[in-house]
Amino acid sequence: MRNILVTGATGFVGKYLVSKLLENPNNRLFLLIRSKKNLTAVDRCKNIFDLNNNALQNQIIPIDGELTKPLFNLSEKEFDELAKKITTIYHTAATIKFNLPISEARSINVEGTKTCLLLAKKSGANFERFHHISTAYVNRMLGEKERAFNNTYEQTKYEAELLFQNIPFTIYRPSIVSGSSDTGEISSSSVIYKFIILLSRQILSVLPVDDSFSINIIPVNSFVNKMLAIGLSNDSVGKTYQITHQENTNFKDLLIHASNLLNVPPPKFINGNQTVDIPQKVMKQIETFLPYIAQSQEFVLKEHELNSEAILPSDNVIKTFNNIIDKNSFFKRN
């Protein structure tokens, strides 16, 4: 059996990753899950995964732990015992709140990564690879200029990447992860989800979006499938991969298309610099995402990325939106 620790298994990317890893019966997954609202790690695991399935019972082992606590809040003996078993780590857990105080963001994105690295090093010679999920937006190049960090999320994900030394690792940098192009499933924490909800409730009445504004969106299934394929190659050890869509999507066109699907009027589009004209209730919902829209950052793949599965085409963004809105009836409340 290949013993794999997965952090963030209850998150959107983590759940999809776990479902793919379970397709291999030789994978045994140790899922780091914290107790929450009177539910143990086992309870939460049962709510997400089919633990009544005998095959899955042998493949899934919930670990009741907390990423932000020293040794995951395990005893030293429990931590060492876990380290002896683990050969691979997929670290997907992170705060995705963009505007946390820097100390709070670091406690999750940096200190949590340090604890995972400690576990990997205690695993010794049996440890094979640390697969770390970062974000494409730690690449801050806009043309030939480097922009500042947009938020503490970006800064702490960048700081976490700097920790990887003297251990076999691969870092994966997705752009904006949307719902599944296959099933339409989407996370309520997704940027895309928030904009669809605001459109469907007709809250997004005015939006500062120029005709040229665009964003890079990758369906969750495209991202995870590419990541797993890249991770199979020994050539990817010690490298970082941008896993992005092959082209940006015009944001104004996307919102108009989504509005048509939802049968609601599109927002009134005003100049991208006119944020003072945005109603406060709208600005409160979108202000943390505006830099990503206005910067319209594009990603150029490097040579090693061009020679990997990162170059494979991602599913069509419009098709993905169609599935998301079609499969989630609550978007069509009107």
C-alpha atoms as a PDB file:
ATOM      1  CA  MET A   1       0.000   0.000   0.000  1.00  0.00           C
ATOM      2  CA  ARG A   2       1.060   3.580  -0.673  1.00  0.00           C
ATOM      3  CA  ASN A   3       0.402   5.603   2.483  1.00  0.00           C
ATOM      4  CA  ILE A   4      -0.633   9.170   1.649  1.00  0.00           C
ATOM      5  CA  LEU A   5      -1.366  12.045   4.014  1.00  0.00           C
ATOM      6  CA  VAL A   6      -3.909  14.495   2.583  1.00  0.00           C
ATOM      7  CA  THR A   7      -4.559  17.828   4.275  1.00  0.00           C
ATOM      8  CA  GLY A   8      -7.606  19.877   3.359  1.00  0.00           C
ATOM      9  CA  ALA A   9      -9.582  16.749   2.451  1.00  0.00           C
ATOM     10  CA  THR A  10     -12.850  18.452   3.421  1.00  0.00           C
ATOM     11  CA  GLY A  11     -12.155  21.379   1.085  1.00  0.00           C
ATOM     12  CA  PHE A  12     -13.301  21.544  -2.514  1.00  0.00           C
ATOM     13  CA  VAL A  13      -9.982  20.683  -4.190  1.00  0.00           C
ATOM     14  CA  GLY A  14      -9.180  18.204  -1.418  1.00  0.00           C
ATOM     15  CA  LYS A  15     -12.432  16.279  -1.855  1.00  0.00           C
ATOM     16  CA  TYR A  16     -11.922  15.953  -5.590  1.00  0.00           C
ATOM     17  CA  LEU A  17      -8.293  14.908  -5.061  1.00  0.00           C
ATOM     18  CA  VAL A  18      -9.314  12.245  -2.527  1.00  0.00           C
ATOM     19  CA  SER A  19     -11.913  10.842  -4.928  1.00  0.00           C
ATOM     20  CA  LYS A  20      -9.251  10.470  -7.619  1.00  0.00           C
ATOM     21  CA  LEU A  21      -6.666   8.941  -5.276  1.00  0.00           C
ATOM     22  CA  LEU A  22      -9.232   6.392  -4.088  1.00  0.00           C
ATOM     23  CA  GLU A  23      -9.519   5.060  -7.634  1.00  0.00           C
ATOM     24  CA  ASN A  24      -6.225   3.282  -6.994  1.00  0.00           C
ATOM     25  CA  PRO A  25      -6.900   0.448  -4.494  1.00  0.00           C
ATOM     26  CA  ASN A  26      -3.221   0.498  -3.518  1.00  0.00           C
ATOM     27  CA  ASN A  27      -3.580   3.998  -2.055  1.00  0.00           C
ATOM     28  CA  ARG A  28      -4.295   4.254   1.658  1.00  0.00           C
ATOM     29  CA  LEU A  29      -5.247   7.791   2.642  1.00  0.00           C
ATOM     30  CA  PHE A  30      -4.621   9.374   6.022  1.00  0.00           C
ATOM     31  CA  LEU A  31      -6.937  12.399   6.074  1.00  0.00           C
ATOM     32  CA  LEU A  32      -6.039  15.181   8.501  1.00  0.00           C
ATOM     33  CA  ILE A  33      -9.415  16.529   9.625  1.00  0.00           C
ATOM     34  CA  ARG A  34     -10.162  18.665  12.655  1.00  0.00           C
ATOM     35  CA  SER A  35     -13.137  18.132  14.907  1.00  0.00           C
ATOM     36  CA  LYS A  36     -15.791  20.762  14.325  1.00  0.00           C
ATOM     37  CA  LYS A  37     -19.199  21.595  15.805  1.00  0.00           C
ATOM     38  CA  ASN A  38     -19.288  18.510  18.024  1.00  0.00           C
ATOM     39  CA  LEU A  39     -18.323  16.300  15.086  1.00  0.00           C
ATOM     40  CA  THR A  40     -15.158  14.214  15.314  1.00  0.00           C
ATOM     41  CA  ALA A  41     -12.817  13.690  12.364  1.00  0.00           C
ATOM     42  CA  VAL A  42     -14.476  10.299  11.842  1.00  0.00           C
ATOM     43  CA  ASP A  43     -17.950  11.885  11.862  1.00  0.00           C
ATOM     44  CA  ARG A  44     -16.943  14.538   9.330  1.00  0.00           C
ATOM     45  CA  CYS A  45     -15.263  11.936   7.179  1.00  0.00           C
ATOM     46  CA  LYS A  46     -18.423   9.797   7.184  1.00  0.00           C
ATOM     47  CA  ASN A  47     -20.458  12.827   6.119  1.00  0.00           C
ATOM     48  CA  ILE A  48     -18.256  13.369   3.079  1.00  0.00           C
ATOM     49  CA  PHE A  49     -17.032   9.946   2.025  1.00  0.00           C
ATOM     50  CA  ASP A  50     -18.851   6.616   1.821  1.00  0.00           C
ATOM     51  CA  LEU A  51     -17.266   4.861   4.782  1.00  0.00           C
ATOM     52  CA  ASN A  52     -19.995   2.230   4.724  1.00  0.00           C
ATOM     53  CA  ASN A  53     -18.201   0.877   1.700  1.00  0.00           C
ATOM     54  CA  ASN A  54     -15.901  -1.874   3.002  1.00  0.00           C
ATOM     55  CA  ALA A  55     -13.277  -1.119   0.378  1.00  0.00           C
ATOM     56  CA  LEU A  56     -13.123   2.534   1.410  1.00  0.00           C
ATOM     57  CA  GLN A  57     -12.927   1.608   5.084  1.00  0.00           C
ATOM     58  CA  ASN A  58      -9.608  -0.030   4.292  1.00  0.00           C
ATOM     59  CA  GLN A  59      -8.426   2.954   2.257  1.00  0.00           C
ATOM     60  CA  ILE A  60      -9.421   5.907   4.458  1.00  0.00           C
ATOM     61  CA  ILE A  61      -8.000   6.590   7.910  1.00  0.00           C
ATOM     62  CA  PRO A  62      -9.204   9.863   9.495  1.00  0.00           C
ATOM     63  CA  ILE A  63      -6.648  11.638  11.670  1.00  0.00           C
ATOM     64  CA  ASP A  64      -8.220  14.004  14.196  1.00  0.00           C
ATOM     65  CA  GLY A  65      -5.798  16.905  14.073  1.00  0.00           C
ATOM     66  CA  GLU A  66      -5.423  20.656  13.654  1.00  0.00           C
ATOM     67  CA  LEU A  67      -3.114  22.072  10.993  1.00  0.00           C
ATOM     68  CA  THR A  68      -2.346  25.250  12.947  1.00  0.00           C
ATOM     69  CA  LYS A  69      -1.342  23.442  16.158  1.00  0.00           C
ATOM     70  CA  PRO A  70       2.165  22.085  16.875  1.00  0.00           C
ATOM     71  CA  LEU A  71       2.405  18.464  15.699  1.00  0.00           C
ATOM     72  CA  PHE A  72      -1.202  18.804  14.407  1.00  0.00           C
ATOM     73  CA  ASN A  73      -2.270  18.751  18.094  1.00  0.00           C
ATOM     74  CA  LEU A  74      -1.150  15.124  18.283  1.00  0.00           C
ATOM     75  CA  SER A  75       1.109  13.780  21.006  1.00  0.00           C
ATOM     76  CA  GLU A  76       4.756  13.408  20.070  1.00  0.00           C
ATOM     77  CA  LYS A  77       4.322   9.634  20.011  1.00  0.00           C
ATOM     78  CA  GLU A  78       1.251   9.854  17.752  1.00  0.00           C
ATOM     79  CA  PHE A  79       3.050  12.256  15.410  1.00  0.00           C
ATOM     80  CA  ASP A  80       6.114  10.001  15.173  1.00  0.00           C
ATOM     81  CA  GLU A  81       3.947   6.932  14.563  1.00  0.00           C
ATOM     82  CA  LEU A  82       2.156   8.747  11.756  1.00  0.00           C
ATOM     83  CA  ALA A  83       5.481   9.794  10.257  1.00  0.00           C
ATOM     84  CA  LYS A  84       6.656   6.168  10.164  1.00  0.00           C
ATOM     85  CA  LYS A  85       3.656   5.246   8.017  1.00  0.00           C
ATOM     86  CA  ILE A  86       3.555   8.135   5.557  1.00  0.00           C
ATOM     87  CA  THR A  87       5.379   7.966   2.222  1.00  0.00           C
ATOM     88  CA  THR A  88       3.612  10.804   0.378  1.00  0.00           C
ATOM     89  CA  ILE A  89       1.938  14.092   1.294  1.00  0.00           C
ATOM     90  CA  TYR A  90      -0.626  16.127  -0.657  1.00  0.00           C
ATOM     91  CA  HIS A  91      -0.910  19.440   1.153  1.00  0.00           C
ATOM     92  CA  THR A  92      -4.060  21.206  -0.061  1.00  0.00           C
ATOM     93  CA  ALA A  93      -5.137  22.836   3.208  1.00  0.00           C
ATOM     94  CA  ALA A  94      -4.895  26.620   3.373  1.00  0.00           C
ATOM     95  CA  THR A  95      -6.944  29.607   4.325  1.00  0.00           C
ATOM     96  CA  ILE A  96      -8.570  31.042   1.231  1.00  0.00           C
ATOM     97  CA  LYS A  97      -9.678  34.199   2.997  1.00  0.00           C
ATOM     98  CA  PHE A  98      -7.737  36.885   1.189  1.00  0.00           C
ATOM     99  CA  ASN A  99      -7.796  39.601   3.831  1.00  0.00           C
ATOM    100  CA  LEU A 100      -6.866  37.875   7.089  1.00  0.00           C
ATOM    101  CA  PRO A 101      -4.347  39.632   9.350  1.00  0.00           C
ATOM    102  CA  ILE A 102      -0.864  38.519   8.295  1.00  0.00           C
ATOM    103  CA  SER A 103      -0.225  36.637  11.560  1.00  0.00           C
ATOM    104  CA  GLU A 104      -3.418  34.615  11.186  1.00  0.00           C
ATOM    105  CA  ALA A 105      -2.736  33.849   7.530  1.00  0.00           C
ATOM    106  CA  ARG A 106       0.803  32.732   8.398  1.00  0.00           C
ATOM    107  CA  SER A 107      -0.415  30.430  11.168  1.00  0.00           C
ATOM    108  CA  ILE A 108      -2.323  28.430   8.557  1.00  0.00           C
ATOM    109  CA  ASN A 109      -0.442  28.787   5.291  1.00  0.00           C
ATOM    110  CA  VAL A 110       3.129  28.916   6.607  1.00  0.00           C
ATOM    111  CA  GLU A 111       3.175  27.233  10.016  1.00  0.00           C
ATOM    112  CA  GLY A 112       0.861  24.473   8.811  1.00  0.00           C
ATOM    113  CA  THR A 113       3.245  23.787   5.927  1.00  0.00           C
ATOM    114  CA  LYS A 114       6.178  23.682   8.358  1.00  0.00           C
ATOM    115  CA  THR A 115       4.439  20.972  10.375  1.00  0.00           C
ATOM    116  CA  CYS A 116       3.767  18.928   7.237  1.00  0.00           C
ATOM    117  CA  LEU A 117       7.437  19.264   6.285  1.00  0.00           C
ATOM    118  CA  LEU A 118       8.476  18.129   9.765  1.00  0.00           C
ATOM    119  CA  LEU A 119       6.317  15.030   9.324  1.00  0.00           C
ATOM    120  CA  ALA A 120       7.913  14.354   5.939  1.00  0.00           C
ATOM    121  CA  LYS A 121      11.443  14.662   7.352  1.00  0.00           C
ATOM    122  CA  LYS A 122      10.596  12.371  10.281  1.00  0.00           C
ATOM    123  CA  SER A 123       9.414   9.789   7.738  1.00  0.00           C
ATOM    124  CA  GLY A 124      13.040   9.313   6.743  1.00  0.00           C
ATOM    125  CA  ALA A 125      14.251   7.295   3.772  1.00  0.00           C
ATOM    126  CA  ASN A 126      10.791   5.895   3.014  1.00  0.00           C
ATOM    127  CA  PHE A 127       9.411   9.315   2.137  1.00  0.00           C
ATOM    128  CA  GLU A 128       8.813   9.705  -1.602  1.00  0.00           C
ATOM    129  CA  ARG A 129       7.308  13.105  -2.388  1.00  0.00           C
ATOM    130  CA  PHE A 130       5.678  16.216  -0.928  1.00  0.00           C
ATOM    131  CA  HIS A 131       3.017  17.573  -3.302  1.00  0.00           C
ATOM    132  CA  HIS A 132       2.256  21.172  -2.349  1.00  0.00           C
ATOM    133  CA  ILE A 133      -0.667  23.188  -3.716  1.00  0.00           C
ATOM    134  CA  SER A 134       0.108  26.894  -3.927  1.00  0.00           C
ATOM    135  CA  THR A 135      -1.400  29.542  -6.223  1.00  0.00           C
ATOM    136  CA  ALA A 136      -0.436  30.919  -9.623  1.00  0.00           C
ATOM    137  CA  TYR A 137      -0.752  34.410  -8.173  1.00  0.00           C
ATOM    138  CA  VAL A 138       2.509  34.154  -6.261  1.00  0.00           C
ATOM    139  CA  ASN A 139       3.877  34.868  -9.739  1.00  0.00           C
ATOM    140  CA  ARG A 140       3.457  38.622  -9.626  1.00  0.00           C
ATOM    141  CA  MET A 141       4.798  39.538 -13.056  1.00  0.00           C
ATOM    142  CA  LEU A 142       2.514  41.843 -15.022  1.00  0.00           C
ATOM    143  CA  GLY A 143       4.283  42.163 -18.322  1.00  0.00           C
ATOM    144  CA  GLU A 144       7.833  43.163 -17.390  1.00  0.00           C
ATOM    145  CA  LYS A 145       6.919  44.645 -14.016  1.00  0.00           C
ATOM    146  CA  GLU A 146       6.447  42.896 -10.690  1.00  0.00           C
ATOM    147  CA  ARG A 147       3.338  43.938  -8.784  1.00  0.00           C
ATOM    148  CA  ALA A 148       2.961  43.974  -5.014  1.00  0.00           C
ATOM    149  CA  PHE A 149       1.119  41.203  -3.214  1.00  0.00           C
ATOM    150  CA  ASN A 150      -2.623  41.726  -3.543  1.00  0.00           C
ATOM    151  CA  ASN A 151      -3.332  40.309  -0.089  1.00  0.00           C
ATOM    152  CA  THR A 152      -2.021  38.227   2.800  1.00  0.00           C
ATOM    153  CA  TYR A 153      -3.164  35.022   1.107  1.00  0.00           C
ATOM    154  CA  GLU A 154      -0.727  35.534  -1.773  1.00  0.00           C
ATOM    155  CA  GLN A 155       2.076  36.664   0.521  1.00  0.00           C
ATOM    156  CA  THR A 156       1.836  33.669   2.847  1.00  0.00           C
ATOM    157  CA  LYS A 157       1.508  31.165  -0.011  1.00  0.00           C
ATOM    158  CA  TYR A 158       4.719  32.664  -1.418  1.00  0.00           C
ATOM    159  CA  GLU A 159       6.420  32.392   1.981  1.00  0.00           C
ATOM    160  CA  ALA A 160       5.350  28.759   2.250  1.00  0.00           C
ATOM    161  CA  GLU A 161       6.986  27.928  -1.085  1.00  0.00           C
ATOM    162  CA  LEU A 162      10.321  29.196   0.249  1.00  0.00           C
ATOM    163  CA  LEU A 163      10.306  26.472   2.926  1.00  0.00           C
ATOM    164  CA  PHE A 164      10.935  23.615   0.482  1.00  0.00           C
ATOM    165  CA  GLN A 165      14.547  22.490   0.730  1.00  0.00           C
ATOM    166  CA  ASN A 166      16.333  19.165   1.146  1.00  0.00           C
ATOM    167  CA  ILE A 167      13.201  17.088   0.511  1.00  0.00           C
ATOM    168  CA  PRO A 168      11.632  15.631  -2.651  1.00  0.00           C
ATOM    169  CA  PHE A 169       8.780  17.978  -3.561  1.00  0.00           C
ATOM    170  CA  THR A 170       6.661  19.328  -6.385  1.00  0.00           C
ATOM    171  CA  ILE A 171       4.751  22.602  -6.161  1.00  0.00           C
ATOM    172  CA  TYR A 172       1.562  23.156  -8.142  1.00  0.00           C
ATOM    173  CA  ARG A 173       0.221  26.654  -8.816  1.00  0.00           C
ATOM    174  CA  PRO A 174      -3.402  26.715 -10.000  1.00  0.00           C
ATOM    175  CA  SER A 175      -5.055  29.897 -11.212  1.00  0.00           C
ATOM    176  CA  ILE A 176      -8.673  30.571 -10.155  1.00  0.00           C
ATOM    177  CA  VAL A 177     -10.240  27.152  -9.535  1.00  0.00           C
ATOM    178  CA  SER A 178     -13.866  26.910 -10.597  1.00  0.00           C
ATOM    179  CA  GLY A 179     -16.406  24.121 -10.306  1.00  0.00           C
ATOM    180  CA  SER A 180     -16.202  20.825 -12.133  1.00  0.00           C
ATOM    181  CA  SER A 181     -16.766  20.949 -15.877  1.00  0.00           C
ATOM    182  CA  ASP A 182     -18.080  17.374 -15.617  1.00  0.00           C
ATOM    183  CA  THR A 183     -20.561  17.547 -12.747  1.00  0.00           C
ATOM    184  CA  GLY A 184     -21.137  21.270 -12.210  1.00  0.00           C
ATOM    185  CA  GLU A 185     -20.255  20.918  -8.520  1.00  0.00           C
ATOM    186  CA  ILE A 186     -18.760  24.109  -7.097  1.00  0.00           C
ATOM    187  CA  SER A 187     -17.588  25.336  -3.712  1.00  0.00           C
ATOM    188  CA  SER A 188     -19.363  28.217  -1.991  1.00  0.00           C
ATOM    189  CA  SER A 189     -15.913  29.646  -1.223  1.00  0.00           C
ATOM    190  CA  SER A 190     -15.066  29.939  -4.931  1.00  0.00           C
ATOM    191  CA  VAL A 191     -14.709  33.403  -6.455  1.00  0.00           C
ATOM    192  CA  ILE A 192     -16.830  32.158  -9.342  1.00  0.00           C
ATOM    193  CA  TYR A 193     -19.587  30.974  -6.988  1.00  0.00           C
ATOM    194  CA  LYS A 194     -19.754  34.376  -5.321  1.00  0.00           C
ATOM    195  CA  PHE A 195     -20.176  36.220  -8.623  1.00  0.00           C
ATOM    196  CA  ILE A 196     -22.877  33.802  -9.835  1.00  0.00           C
ATOM    197  CA  ILE A 197     -24.789  34.197  -6.551  1.00  0.00           C
ATOM    198  CA  LEU A 198     -24.544  37.995  -6.744  1.00  0.00           C
ATOM    199  CA  LEU A 199     -25.803  37.905 -10.332  1.00  0.00           C
ATOM    200  CA  SER A 200     -28.645  35.525  -9.567  1.00  0.00           C
ATOM    201  CA  ARG A 201     -29.821  37.668  -6.622  1.00  0.00           C
ATOM    202  CA  GLN A 202     -29.473  40.804  -8.786  1.00  0.00           C
ATOM    203  CA  ILE A 203     -27.172  42.354  -6.212  1.00  0.00           C
ATOM    204  CA  LEU A 204     -24.403  42.898  -8.754  1.00  0.00           C
ATOM    205  CA  SER A 205     -26.065  45.946 -10.278  1.00  0.00           C
ATOM    206  CA  VAL A 206     -22.930  47.923 -11.170  1.00  0.00           C
ATOM    207  CA  LEU A 207     -19.449  46.593 -11.847  1.00  0.00           C
ATOM    208  CA  PRO A 208     -16.160  48.356 -12.728  1.00  0.00           C
ATOM    209  CA  VAL A 209     -15.122  46.135 -15.624  1.00  0.00           C
ATOM    210  CA  ASP A 210     -13.450  47.417 -18.795  1.00  0.00           C
ATOM    211  CA  ASP A 211     -13.859  45.581 -22.101  1.00  0.00           C
ATOM    212  CA  SER A 212     -10.280  44.285 -21.822  1.00  0.00           C
ATOM    213  CA  PHE A 213     -10.531  42.777 -18.328  1.00  0.00           C
ATOM    214  CA  SER A 214     -10.000  39.017 -18.176  1.00  0.00           C
ATOM    215  CA  ILE A 215      -9.342  36.232 -15.679  1.00  0.00           C
ATOM    216  CA  ASN A 216      -7.743  32.801 -15.834  1.00  0.00           C
ATOM    217  CA  ILE A 217     -10.136  30.067 -14.686  1.00  0.00           C
ATOM    218  CA  ILE A 218      -9.410  26.342 -14.488  1.00  0.00           C
ATOM    219  CA  PRO A 219     -12.062  23.709 -13.650  1.00  0.00           C
ATOM    220  CA  VAL A 220     -11.253  21.729 -10.499  1.00  0.00           C
ATOM    221  CA  ASN A 221     -11.183  18.441 -12.422  1.00  0.00           C
ATOM    222  CA  SER A 222      -8.733  19.823 -14.999  1.00  0.00           C
ATOM    223  CA  PHE A 223      -6.447  21.074 -12.234  1.00  0.00           C
ATOM    224  CA  VAL A 224      -6.426  17.861 -10.182  1.00  0.00           C
ATOM    225  CA  ASN A 225      -6.030  15.608 -13.213  1.00  0.00           C
ATOM    226  CA  LYS A 226      -3.061  17.626 -14.461  1.00  0.00           C
ATOM    227  CA  MET A 227      -1.489  17.718 -10.999  1.00  0.00           C
ATOM    228  CA  LEU A 228      -1.737  13.951 -10.579  1.00  0.00           C
ATOM    229  CA  ALA A 229      -0.325  13.332 -14.046  1.00  0.00           C
ATOM    230  CA  ILE A 230       2.631  15.666 -13.427  1.00  0.00           C
ATOM    231  CA  GLY A 231       3.273  14.043 -10.050  1.00  0.00           C
ATOM    232  CA  LEU A 232       3.696  10.617 -11.663  1.00  0.00           C
ATOM    233  CA  SER A 233       6.874  11.749 -13.403  1.00  0.00           C
ATOM    234  CA  ASN A 234      10.213  11.623 -11.607  1.00  0.00           C
ATOM    235  CA  ASP A 235      11.241  14.584 -13.753  1.00  0.00           C
ATOM    236  CA  SER A 236       8.856  16.807 -11.783  1.00  0.00           C
ATOM    237  CA  VAL A 237      10.693  16.395  -8.464  1.00  0.00           C
ATOM    238  CA  GLY A 238      12.044  19.706  -7.212  1.00  0.00           C
ATOM    239  CA  LYS A 239      10.056  21.764  -9.728  1.00  0.00           C
ATOM    240  CA  THR A 240       7.162  24.203  -9.660  1.00  0.00           C
ATOM    241  CA  TYR A 241       4.309  24.050 -12.171  1.00  0.00           C
ATOM    242  CA  GLN A 242       1.770  26.677 -13.121  1.00  0.00           C
ATOM    243  CA  ILE A 243      -1.466  24.813 -13.816  1.00  0.00           C
ATOM    244  CA  THR A 244      -3.654  27.362 -15.540  1.00  0.00           C
ATOM    245  CA  HIS A 245      -6.127  27.550 -18.388  1.00  0.00           C
ATOM    246  CA  GLN A 246      -4.525  27.881 -21.803  1.00  0.00           C
ATOM    247  CA  GLU A 247      -6.193  31.270 -22.263  1.00  0.00           C
ATOM    248  CA  ASN A 248      -7.810  33.978 -20.199  1.00  0.00           C
ATOM    249  CA  THR A 249     -11.563  34.519 -20.394  1.00  0.00           C
ATOM    250  CA  ASN A 250     -13.014  37.981 -20.995  1.00  0.00           C
ATOM    251  CA  PHE A 251     -14.733  38.765 -17.705  1.00  0.00           C
ATOM    252  CA  LYS A 252     -17.407  41.066 -19.105  1.00  0.00           C
ATOM    253  CA  ASP A 253     -18.442  38.488 -21.731  1.00  0.00           C
ATOM    254  CA  LEU A 254     -18.512  35.777 -19.052  1.00  0.00           C
ATOM    255  CA  LEU A 255     -20.840  37.774 -16.792  1.00  0.00           C
ATOM    256  CA  ILE A 256     -23.168  38.564 -19.688  1.00  0.00           C
ATOM    257  CA  HIS A 257     -23.267  34.861 -20.594  1.00  0.00           C
ATOM    258  CA  ALA A 258     -23.968  33.893 -16.981  1.00  0.00           C
ATOM    259  CA  SER A 259     -26.710  36.537 -16.733  1.00  0.00           C
ATOM    260  CA  ASN A 260     -28.393  35.091 -19.811  1.00  0.00           C
ATOM    261  CA  LEU A 261     -28.259  31.594 -18.325  1.00  0.00           C
ATOM    262  CA  LEU A 262     -29.748  32.905 -15.077  1.00  0.00           C
ATOM    263  CA  ASN A 263     -32.362  34.955 -16.929  1.00  0.00           C
ATOM    264  CA  VAL A 264     -31.404  38.149 -15.091  1.00  0.00           C
ATOM    265  CA  PRO A 265     -30.187  41.510 -16.411  1.00  0.00           C
ATOM    266  CA  PRO A 266     -26.406  41.831 -16.630  1.00  0.00           C
ATOM    267  CA  PRO A 267     -24.692  44.430 -14.437  1.00  0.00           C
ATOM    268  CA  LYS A 268     -24.176  47.956 -15.631  1.00  0.00           C
ATOM    269  CA  PHE A 269     -20.508  48.016 -16.619  1.00  0.00           C
ATOM    270  CA  ILE A 270     -18.601  51.196 -15.820  1.00  0.00           C
ATOM    271  CA  ASN A 271     -14.970  52.234 -16.164  1.00  0.00           C
ATOM    272  CA  GLY A 272     -12.611  50.025 -14.157  1.00  0.00           C
ATOM    273  CA  ASN A 273     -11.322  53.035 -12.204  1.00  0.00           C
ATOM    274  CA  GLN A 274     -14.773  54.196 -11.035  1.00  0.00           C
ATOM    275  CA  THR A 275     -14.990  52.123  -7.867  1.00  0.00           C
ATOM    276  CA  VAL A 276     -16.381  55.135  -5.958  1.00  0.00           C
ATOM    277  CA  ASP A 277     -19.576  54.720  -7.979  1.00  0.00           C
ATOM    278  CA  ILE A 278     -20.166  51.176  -6.703  1.00  0.00           C
ATOM    279  CA  PRO A 279     -22.937  50.755  -4.103  1.00  0.00           C
ATOM    280  CA  GLN A 280     -21.471  49.868  -0.721  1.00  0.00           C
ATOM    281  CA  LYS A 281     -23.386  46.586  -0.464  1.00  0.00           C
ATOM    282  CA  VAL A 282     -21.880  45.502  -3.793  1.00  0.00           C
ATOM    283  CA  MET A 283     -18.369  46.706  -2.988  1.00  0.00           C
ATOM    284  CA  LYS A 284     -18.387  44.798   0.301  1.00  0.00           C
ATOM    285  CA  GLN A 285     -18.938  41.568  -1.628  1.00  0.00           C
ATOM    286  CA  ILE A 286     -16.389  42.050  -4.409  1.00  0.00           C
ATOM    287  CA  GLU A 287     -13.590  44.352  -3.264  1.00  0.00           C
ATOM    288  CA  THR A 288     -11.118  41.560  -2.427  1.00  0.00           C
ATOM    289  CA  PHE A 289     -11.542  40.117  -5.943  1.00  0.00           C
ATOM    290  CA  LEU A 290     -11.309  43.352  -7.926  1.00  0.00           C
ATOM    291  CA  PRO A 291      -7.483  43.309  -8.276  1.00  0.00           C
ATOM    292  CA  TYR A 292      -7.625  39.939 -10.038  1.00  0.00           C
ATOM    293  CA  ILE A 293     -10.152  41.267 -12.524  1.00  0.00           C
ATOM    294  CA  ALA A 294      -8.439  44.599 -13.117  1.00  0.00           C
ATOM    295  CA  GLN A 295      -4.912  43.163 -13.424  1.00  0.00           C
ATOM    296  CA  SER A 296      -6.060  40.578 -16.008  1.00  0.00           C
ATOM    297  CA  GLN A 297      -2.903  38.627 -15.262  1.00  0.00           C
ATOM    298  CA  GLU A 298      -1.807  36.118 -17.894  1.00  0.00           C
ATOM    299  CA  PHE A 299       0.539  33.201 -17.276  1.00  0.00           C
ATOM    300  CA  VAL A 300       3.364  32.186 -19.579  1.00  0.00           C
ATOM    301  CA  LEU A 301       4.510  28.597 -19.109  1.00  0.00           C
ATOM    302  CA  LYS A 302       8.212  27.889 -18.758  1.00  0.00           C
ATOM    303  CA  GLU A 303      10.089  25.269 -20.743  1.00  0.00           C
ATOM    304  CA  HIS A 304       9.715  22.453 -18.198  1.00  0.00           C
ATOM    305  CA  GLU A 305       5.989  23.214 -17.948  1.00  0.00           C
ATOM    306  CA  LEU A 306       5.613  23.140 -21.725  1.00  0.00           C
ATOM    307  CA  ASN A 307       7.171  19.661 -21.671  1.00  0.00           C
ATOM    308  CA  SER A 308       4.690  18.359 -19.085  1.00  0.00           C
ATOM    309  CA  GLU A 309       0.980  17.650 -18.693  1.00  0.00           C
ATOM    310  CA  ALA A 310       0.566  21.299 -17.639  1.00  0.00           C
ATOM    311  CA  ILE A 311       0.309  22.067 -21.357  1.00  0.00           C
ATOM    312  CA  LEU A 312      -2.747  19.822 -21.853  1.00  0.00           C
ATOM    313  CA  PRO A 313      -5.887  21.823 -22.769  1.00  0.00           C
ATOM    314  CA  SER A 314      -8.246  22.539 -19.886  1.00  0.00           C
ATOM    315  CA  ASP A 315     -11.988  22.165 -20.320  1.00  0.00           C
ATOM    316  CA  ASN A 316     -13.890  25.052 -21.878  1.00  0.00           C
ATOM    317  CA  VAL A 317     -14.838  27.772 -19.368  1.00  0.00           C
ATOM    318  CA  ILE A 318     -18.221  28.466 -20.966  1.00  0.00           C
ATOM    319  CA  LYS A 319     -19.062  24.750 -20.879  1.00  0.00           C
ATOM    320  CA  THR A 320     -18.084  24.719 -17.208  1.00  0.00           C
ATOM    321  CA  PHE A 321     -20.331  27.697 -16.441  1.00  0.00           C
ATOM    322  CA  ASN A 322     -23.202  26.055 -18.281  1.00  0.00           C
ATOM    323  CA  ASN A 323     -22.841  22.933 -16.126  1.00  0.00           C
ATOM    324  CA  ILE A 324     -22.440  24.871 -12.875  1.00  0.00           C
ATOM    325  CA  ILE A 325     -25.588  26.921 -13.397  1.00  0.00           C
ATOM    326  CA  ASP A 326     -27.566  24.019 -14.861  1.00  0.00           C
ATOM    327  CA  LYS A 327     -26.713  21.581 -12.042  1.00  0.00           C
ATOM    328  CA  ASN A 328     -27.227  24.003  -9.143  1.00  0.00           C
ATOM    329  CA  SER A 329     -30.897  24.977  -9.022  1.00  0.00           C
ATOM    330  CA  PHE A 330     -30.412  27.411  -6.130  1.00  0.00           C
ATOM    331  CA  PHE A 331     -28.693  29.791  -8.566  1.00  0.00           C
ATOM    332  CA  LYS A 332     -32.015  30.121 -10.396  1.00  0.00           C
ATOM    333  CA  ARG A 333     -34.124  31.261  -7.490  1.00  0.00           C
ATOM    334  CA  ASN A 334     -35.762  33.848  -9.686  1.00  0.00           C
END
